[in-house]
């Protein structure tokens, strides 16, 4: 499954776009100037996404990768 497919599945399940998840991360205080703060750990974000959006581990990690800049929209 491509990374974009993960994002599409997440949006279909939650109704939230990648931009919405960035806004959520900013609201949670995880971002500074649009970048993920170095002290924010994957486990914290994954737990929040599971709790708040009902995501599974793999999909939550995809959002973490997006926020961290490891992956980007449109990637395979």
PDB file of N, CA and C in Angstrom:
ATOM      1  N   UNK A   1       0.850  -1.171   0.000  1.00  0.00           N
ATOM      2  CA  UNK A   1       0.000   0.000   0.000  1.00  0.00           C
ATOM      3  C   UNK A   1       0.898   1.237   0.000  1.00  0.00           C
ATOM      4  N   UNK A   2       0.605   2.177  -0.870  1.00  0.00           N
ATOM      5  CA  UNK A   2       1.404   3.403  -0.931  1.00  0.00           C
ATOM      6  C   UNK A   2       1.082   4.300   0.258  1.00  0.00           C
ATOM      7  N   UNK A   3       1.982   5.213   0.523  1.00  0.00           N
ATOM      8  CA  UNK A   3       1.768   6.149   1.619  1.00  0.00           C
ATOM      9  C   UNK A   3       0.509   6.979   1.365  1.00  0.00           C
ATOM     10  N   UNK A   4       0.303   7.403   0.121  1.00  0.00           N
ATOM     11  CA  UNK A   4      -0.896   8.183  -0.201  1.00  0.00           C
ATOM     12  C   UNK A   4      -2.152   7.366   0.055  1.00  0.00           C
ATOM     13  N   UNK A   5      -2.101   6.063  -0.196  1.00  0.00           N
ATOM     14  CA  UNK A   5      -3.253   5.195   0.089  1.00  0.00           C
ATOM     15  C   UNK A   5      -3.561   5.180   1.580  1.00  0.00           C
ATOM     16  N   UNK A   6      -2.516   5.157   2.404  1.00  0.00           N
ATOM     17  CA  UNK A   6      -2.713   5.243   3.852  1.00  0.00           C
ATOM     18  C   UNK A   6      -3.450   6.536   4.195  1.00  0.00           C
ATOM     19  N   UNK A   7      -2.984   7.651   3.630  1.00  0.00           N
ATOM     20  CA  UNK A   7      -3.613   8.942   3.925  1.00  0.00           C
ATOM     21  C   UNK A   7      -5.061   8.976   3.444  1.00  0.00           C
ATOM     22  N   UNK A   8      -5.309   8.416   2.275  1.00  0.00           N
ATOM     23  CA  UNK A   8      -6.674   8.380   1.745  1.00  0.00           C
ATOM     24  C   UNK A   8      -7.589   7.553   2.643  1.00  0.00           C
ATOM     25  N   UNK A   9      -7.098   6.422   3.123  1.00  0.00           N
ATOM     26  CA  UNK A   9      -7.867   5.565   4.017  1.00  0.00           C
ATOM     27  C   UNK A   9      -8.152   6.281   5.336  1.00  0.00           C
ATOM     28  N   UNK A  10      -7.150   6.965   5.856  1.00  0.00           N
ATOM     29  CA  UNK A  10      -7.323   7.719   7.106  1.00  0.00           C
ATOM     30  C   UNK A  10      -8.383   8.799   6.923  1.00  0.00           C
ATOM     31  N   UNK A  11      -8.329   9.510   5.805  1.00  0.00           N
ATOM     32  CA  UNK A  11      -9.310  10.567   5.568  1.00  0.00           C
ATOM     33  C   UNK A  11     -10.717   9.984   5.424  1.00  0.00           C
ATOM     34  N   UNK A  12     -10.838   8.860   4.754  1.00  0.00           N
ATOM     35  CA  UNK A  12     -12.146   8.225   4.604  1.00  0.00           C
ATOM     36  C   UNK A  12     -12.700   7.792   5.960  1.00  0.00           C
ATOM     37  N   UNK A  13     -11.832   7.301   6.832  1.00  0.00           N
ATOM     38  CA  UNK A  13     -12.268   6.818   8.145  1.00  0.00           C
ATOM     39  C   UNK A  13     -12.598   7.957   9.100  1.00  0.00           C
ATOM     40  N   UNK A  14     -11.789   9.004   9.086  1.00  0.00           N
ATOM     41  CA  UNK A  14     -11.922  10.056  10.098  1.00  0.00           C
ATOM     42  C   UNK A  14     -12.559  11.344   9.586  1.00  0.00           C
ATOM     43  N   UNK A  15     -12.537  11.539   8.271  1.00  0.00           N
ATOM     44  CA  UNK A  15     -12.993  12.801   7.716  1.00  0.00           C
ATOM     45  C   UNK A  15     -11.963  13.913   7.837  1.00  0.00           C
ATOM     46  N   UNK A  16     -10.759  13.565   8.276  1.00  0.00           N
ATOM     47  CA  UNK A  16      -9.691  14.539   8.506  1.00  0.00           C
ATOM     48  C   UNK A  16      -8.632  14.441   7.408  1.00  0.00           C
ATOM     49  N   UNK A  17      -8.252  15.577   6.868  1.00  0.00           N
ATOM     50  CA  UNK A  17      -7.202  15.641   5.849  1.00  0.00           C
ATOM     51  C   UNK A  17      -5.837  15.765   6.527  1.00  0.00           C
ATOM     52  N   UNK A  18      -4.760  15.598   5.762  1.00  0.00           N
ATOM     53  CA  UNK A  18      -3.438  15.837   6.346  1.00  0.00           C
ATOM     54  C   UNK A  18      -3.322  17.229   6.964  1.00  0.00           C
ATOM     55  N   UNK A  19      -3.914  18.229   6.329  1.00  0.00           N
ATOM     56  CA  UNK A  19      -3.884  19.588   6.891  1.00  0.00           C
ATOM     57  C   UNK A  19      -4.620  19.643   8.229  1.00  0.00           C
ATOM     58  N   UNK A  20      -5.714  18.890   8.343  1.00  0.00           N
ATOM     59  CA  UNK A  20      -6.443  18.835   9.609  1.00  0.00           C
ATOM     60  C   UNK A  20      -5.587  18.216  10.710  1.00  0.00           C
ATOM     61  N   UNK A  21      -4.824  17.176  10.367  1.00  0.00           N
ATOM     62  CA  UNK A  21      -3.954  16.550  11.367  1.00  0.00           C
ATOM     63  C   UNK A  21      -2.804  17.479  11.749  1.00  0.00           C
ATOM     64  N   UNK A  22      -2.323  18.277  10.812  1.00  0.00           N
ATOM     65  CA  UNK A  22      -1.304  19.278  11.160  1.00  0.00           C
ATOM     66  C   UNK A  22      -1.890  20.318  12.116  1.00  0.00           C
ATOM     67  N   UNK A  23      -3.112  20.745  11.851  1.00  0.00           N
ATOM     68  CA  UNK A  23      -3.777  21.711  12.732  1.00  0.00           C
ATOM     69  C   UNK A  23      -4.004  21.090  14.116  1.00  0.00           C
ATOM     70  N   UNK A  24      -4.374  19.826  14.160  1.00  0.00           N
ATOM     71  CA  UNK A  24      -4.544  19.106  15.430  1.00  0.00           C
ATOM     72  C   UNK A  24      -3.225  19.066  16.199  1.00  0.00           C
ATOM     73  N   UNK A  25      -2.139  18.737  15.496  1.00  0.00           N
ATOM     74  CA  UNK A  25      -0.826  18.666  16.142  1.00  0.00           C
ATOM     75  C   UNK A  25      -0.407  20.033  16.673  1.00  0.00           C
ATOM     76  N   UNK A  26      -0.707  21.076  15.928  1.00  0.00           N
ATOM     77  CA  UNK A  26      -0.400  22.431  16.375  1.00  0.00           C
ATOM     78  C   UNK A  26      -1.222  22.772  17.613  1.00  0.00           C
ATOM     79  N   UNK A  27      -2.505  22.455  17.580  1.00  0.00           N
ATOM     80  CA  UNK A  27      -3.399  22.687  18.719  1.00  0.00           C
ATOM     81  C   UNK A  27      -2.922  21.943  19.969  1.00  0.00           C
ATOM     82  N   UNK A  28      -2.371  20.745  19.770  1.00  0.00           N
ATOM     83  CA  UNK A  28      -1.860  19.945  20.897  1.00  0.00           C
ATOM     84  C   UNK A  28      -0.522  20.477  21.408  1.00  0.00           C
ATOM     85  N   UNK A  29       0.074  21.408  20.686  1.00  0.00           N
ATOM     86  CA  UNK A  29       1.362  21.957  21.099  1.00  0.00           C
ATOM     87  C   UNK A  29       2.550  21.143  20.641  1.00  0.00           C
ATOM     88  N   UNK A  30       2.356  20.303  19.628  1.00  0.00           N
ATOM     89  CA  UNK A  30       3.424  19.437  19.131  1.00  0.00           C
ATOM     90  C   UNK A  30       4.306  20.119  18.096  1.00  0.00           C
ATOM     91  N   UNK A  31       3.860  21.259  17.567  1.00  0.00           N
ATOM     92  CA  UNK A  31       4.578  21.922  16.482  1.00  0.00           C
ATOM     93  C   UNK A  31       5.109  23.284  16.914  1.00  0.00           C
ATOM     94  N   UNK A  32       6.218  23.657  16.319  1.00  0.00           N
ATOM     95  CA  UNK A  32       6.751  25.012  16.401  1.00  0.00           C
ATOM     96  C   UNK A  32       7.060  25.438  14.975  1.00  0.00           C
ATOM     97  N   UNK A  33       6.470  26.530  14.554  1.00  0.00           N
ATOM     98  CA  UNK A  33       6.650  27.025  13.188  1.00  0.00           C
ATOM     99  C   UNK A  33       6.384  25.933  12.149  1.00  0.00           C
ATOM    100  N   UNK A  34       5.358  25.130  12.400  1.00  0.00           N
ATOM    101  CA  UNK A  34       4.965  24.091  11.458  1.00  0.00           C
ATOM    102  C   UNK A  34       5.806  22.829  11.496  1.00  0.00           C
ATOM    103  N   UNK A  35       6.803  22.793  12.359  1.00  0.00           N
ATOM    104  CA  UNK A  35       7.692  21.625  12.470  1.00  0.00           C
ATOM    105  C   UNK A  35       7.446  20.901  13.790  1.00  0.00           C
ATOM    106  N   UNK A  36       7.531  19.589  13.753  1.00  0.00           N
ATOM    107  CA  UNK A  36       7.366  18.791  14.952  1.00  0.00           C
ATOM    108  C   UNK A  36       8.505  19.094  15.922  1.00  0.00           C
ATOM    109  N   UNK A  37       8.162  19.386  17.164  1.00  0.00           N
ATOM    110  CA  UNK A  37       9.184  19.661  18.174  1.00  0.00           C
ATOM    111  C   UNK A  37      10.019  18.395  18.404  1.00  0.00           C
ATOM    112  N   UNK A  38      11.328  18.532  18.575  1.00  0.00           N
ATOM    113  CA  UNK A  38      12.188  17.354  18.739  1.00  0.00           C
ATOM    114  C   UNK A  38      11.836  16.498  19.952  1.00  0.00           C
ATOM    115  N   UNK A  39      11.296  17.111  20.988  1.00  0.00           N
ATOM    116  CA  UNK A  39      11.000  16.346  22.207  1.00  0.00           C
ATOM    117  C   UNK A  39       9.693  15.556  22.126  1.00  0.00           C
ATOM    118  N   UNK A  40       8.913  15.774  21.084  1.00  0.00           N
ATOM    119  CA  UNK A  40       7.648  15.049  20.931  1.00  0.00           C
ATOM    120  C   UNK A  40       7.945  13.669  20.349  1.00  0.00           C
ATOM    121  N   UNK A  41       7.586  12.660  21.085  1.00  0.00           N
ATOM    122  CA  UNK A  41       7.881  11.278  20.699  1.00  0.00           C
ATOM    123  C   UNK A  41       6.724  10.657  19.918  1.00  0.00           C
ATOM    124  N   UNK A  42       7.052   9.715  19.090  1.00  0.00           N
ATOM    125  CA  UNK A  42       6.054   9.023  18.274  1.00  0.00           C
ATOM    126  C   UNK A  42       4.968   8.406  19.147  1.00  0.00           C
ATOM    127  N   UNK A  43       5.352   7.789  20.244  1.00  0.00           N
ATOM    128  CA  UNK A  43       4.381   7.122  21.117  1.00  0.00           C
ATOM    129  C   UNK A  43       3.306   8.056  21.639  1.00  0.00           C
ATOM    130  N   UNK A  44       3.678   9.293  21.909  1.00  0.00           N
ATOM    131  CA  UNK A  44       2.709  10.274  22.405  1.00  0.00           C
ATOM    132  C   UNK A  44       1.678  10.582  21.320  1.00  0.00           C
ATOM    133  N   UNK A  45       2.156  10.850  20.121  1.00  0.00           N
ATOM    134  CA  UNK A  45       1.251  11.176  19.022  1.00  0.00           C
ATOM    135  C   UNK A  45       0.385   9.970  18.662  1.00  0.00           C
ATOM    136  N   UNK A  46       0.981   8.798  18.596  1.00  0.00           N
ATOM    137  CA  UNK A  46       0.240   7.588  18.253  1.00  0.00           C
ATOM    138  C   UNK A  46      -0.882   7.347  19.266  1.00  0.00           C
ATOM    139  N   UNK A  47      -0.576   7.463  20.539  1.00  0.00           N
ATOM    140  CA  UNK A  47      -1.597   7.256  21.572  1.00  0.00           C
ATOM    141  C   UNK A  47      -2.737   8.257  21.430  1.00  0.00           C
ATOM    142  N   UNK A  48      -2.403   9.506  21.161  1.00  0.00           N
ATOM    143  CA  UNK A  48      -3.436  10.527  20.988  1.00  0.00           C
ATOM    144  C   UNK A  48      -4.299  10.247  19.769  1.00  0.00           C
ATOM    145  N   UNK A  49      -3.686   9.873  18.663  1.00  0.00           N
ATOM    146  CA  UNK A  49      -4.442   9.600  17.442  1.00  0.00           C
ATOM    147  C   UNK A  49      -5.333   8.369  17.593  1.00  0.00           C
ATOM    148  N   UNK A  50      -4.856   7.378  18.301  1.00  0.00           N
ATOM    149  CA  UNK A  50      -5.682   6.199  18.572  1.00  0.00           C
ATOM    150  C   UNK A  50      -6.888   6.589  19.418  1.00  0.00           C
ATOM    151  N   UNK A  51      -6.650   7.372  20.453  1.00  0.00           N
ATOM    152  CA  UNK A  51      -7.716   7.781  21.371  1.00  0.00           C
ATOM    153  C   UNK A  51      -8.708   8.737  20.701  1.00  0.00           C
ATOM    154  N   UNK A  52      -8.186   9.755  20.044  1.00  0.00           N
ATOM    155  CA  UNK A  52      -9.042  10.834  19.540  1.00  0.00           C
ATOM    156  C   UNK A  52      -9.684  10.552  18.188  1.00  0.00           C
ATOM    157  N   UNK A  53      -9.062   9.665  17.380  1.00  0.00           N
ATOM    158  CA  UNK A  53      -9.578   9.422  16.029  1.00  0.00           C
ATOM    159  C   UNK A  53      -9.850   7.953  15.738  1.00  0.00           C
ATOM    160  N   UNK A  54      -9.547   7.072  16.679  1.00  0.00           N
ATOM    161  CA  UNK A  54      -9.792   5.653  16.474  1.00  0.00           C
ATOM    162  C   UNK A  54      -8.879   5.004  15.449  1.00  0.00           C
ATOM    163  N   UNK A  55      -7.704   5.605  15.227  1.00  0.00           N
ATOM    164  CA  UNK A  55      -6.761   5.034  14.265  1.00  0.00           C
ATOM    165  C   UNK A  55      -6.056   3.822  14.846  1.00  0.00           C
ATOM    166  N   UNK A  56      -5.690   2.902  13.970  1.00  0.00           N
ATOM    167  CA  UNK A  56      -4.843   1.793  14.367  1.00  0.00           C
ATOM    168  C   UNK A  56      -3.394   2.257  14.412  1.00  0.00           C
ATOM    169  N   UNK A  57      -2.528   1.391  14.882  1.00  0.00           N
ATOM    170  CA  UNK A  57      -1.119   1.761  15.052  1.00  0.00           C
ATOM    171  C   UNK A  57      -0.467   2.183  13.736  1.00  0.00           C
ATOM    172  N   UNK A  58      -0.659   1.416  12.686  1.00  0.00           N
ATOM    173  CA  UNK A  58      -0.016   1.715  11.404  1.00  0.00           C
ATOM    174  C   UNK A  58      -0.472   3.043  10.818  1.00  0.00           C
ATOM    175  N   UNK A  59      -1.759   3.307  10.889  1.00  0.00           N
ATOM    176  CA  UNK A  59      -2.272   4.566  10.365  1.00  0.00           C
ATOM    177  C   UNK A  59      -1.814   5.746  11.227  1.00  0.00           C
ATOM    178  N   UNK A  60      -1.769   5.556  12.530  1.00  0.00           N
ATOM    179  CA  UNK A  60      -1.277   6.620  13.410  1.00  0.00           C
ATOM    180  C   UNK A  60       0.203   6.902  13.133  1.00  0.00           C
ATOM    181  N   UNK A  61       0.986   5.860  12.874  1.00  0.00           N
ATOM    182  CA  UNK A  61       2.396   6.060  12.536  1.00  0.00           C
ATOM    183  C   UNK A  61       2.550   6.783  11.202  1.00  0.00           C
ATOM    184  N   UNK A  62       1.624   6.570  10.283  1.00  0.00           N
ATOM    185  CA  UNK A  62       1.663   7.292   9.010  1.00  0.00           C
ATOM    186  C   UNK A  62       1.473   8.789   9.249  1.00  0.00           C
ATOM    187  N   UNK A  63       0.575   9.151  10.137  1.00  0.00           N
ATOM    188  CA  UNK A  63       0.371  10.564  10.463  1.00  0.00           C
ATOM    189  C   UNK A  63       1.612  11.116  11.157  1.00  0.00           C
ATOM    190  N   UNK A  64       2.216  10.336  12.039  1.00  0.00           N
ATOM    191  CA  UNK A  64       3.462  10.770  12.682  1.00  0.00           C
ATOM    192  C   UNK A  64       4.540  11.027  11.624  1.00  0.00           C
ATOM    193  N   UNK A  65       4.678  10.111  10.664  1.00  0.00           N
ATOM    194  CA  UNK A  65       5.680  10.276   9.601  1.00  0.00           C
ATOM    195  C   UNK A  65       5.403  11.538   8.788  1.00  0.00           C
ATOM    196  N   UNK A  66       4.141  11.820   8.550  1.00  0.00           N
ATOM    197  CA  UNK A  66       3.762  13.032   7.845  1.00  0.00           C
ATOM    198  C   UNK A  66       4.159  14.269   8.651  1.00  0.00           C
ATOM    199  N   UNK A  67       3.837  14.267   9.940  1.00  0.00           N
ATOM    200  CA  UNK A  67       4.150  15.412  10.797  1.00  0.00           C
ATOM    201  C   UNK A  67       5.648  15.615  10.953  1.00  0.00           C
ATOM    202  N   UNK A  68       6.383  14.517  11.022  1.00  0.00           N
ATOM    203  CA  UNK A  68       7.838  14.585  11.201  1.00  0.00           C
ATOM    204  C   UNK A  68       8.561  14.971   9.913  1.00  0.00           C
ATOM    205  N   UNK A  69       7.866  14.807   8.777  1.00  0.00           N
ATOM    206  CA  UNK A  69       8.487  15.119   7.492  1.00  0.00           C
ATOM    207  C   UNK A  69       9.234  13.956   6.881  1.00  0.00           C
ATOM    208  N   UNK A  70       9.060  12.766   7.453  1.00  0.00           N
ATOM    209  CA  UNK A  70       9.694  11.560   6.915  1.00  0.00           C
ATOM    210  C   UNK A  70       9.029  11.189   5.583  1.00  0.00           C
ATOM    211  N   UNK A  71       7.728  11.381   5.525  1.00  0.00           N
ATOM    212  CA  UNK A  71       6.933  11.100   4.322  1.00  0.00           C
ATOM    213  C   UNK A  71       6.128  12.350   3.992  1.00  0.00           C
ATOM    214  N   UNK A  72       5.676  12.415   2.742  1.00  0.00           N
ATOM    215  CA  UNK A  72       4.846  13.550   2.346  1.00  0.00           C
ATOM    216  C   UNK A  72       3.669  13.063   1.511  1.00  0.00           C
ATOM    217  N   UNK A  73       2.671  13.917   1.394  1.00  0.00           N
ATOM    218  CA  UNK A  73       1.503  13.572   0.597  1.00  0.00           C
ATOM    219  C   UNK A  73       1.940  13.288  -0.836  1.00  0.00           C
ATOM    220  N   UNK A  74       1.244  12.342  -1.448  1.00  0.00           N
ATOM    221  CA  UNK A  74       1.539  11.992  -2.832  1.00  0.00           C
ATOM    222  C   UNK A  74       2.636  10.964  -3.005  1.00  0.00           C
ATOM    223  N   UNK A  75       3.295  10.551  -1.909  1.00  0.00           N
ATOM    224  CA  UNK A  75       4.363   9.553  -2.000  1.00  0.00           C
ATOM    225  C   UNK A  75       3.785   8.176  -2.168  1.00  0.00           C
ATOM    226  N   UNK A  76       4.530   7.339  -2.858  1.00  0.00           N
ATOM    227  CA  UNK A  76       4.165   5.923  -2.983  1.00  0.00           C
ATOM    228  C   UNK A  76       4.767   5.131  -1.874  1.00  0.00           C
TER     229      UNK A  76
END
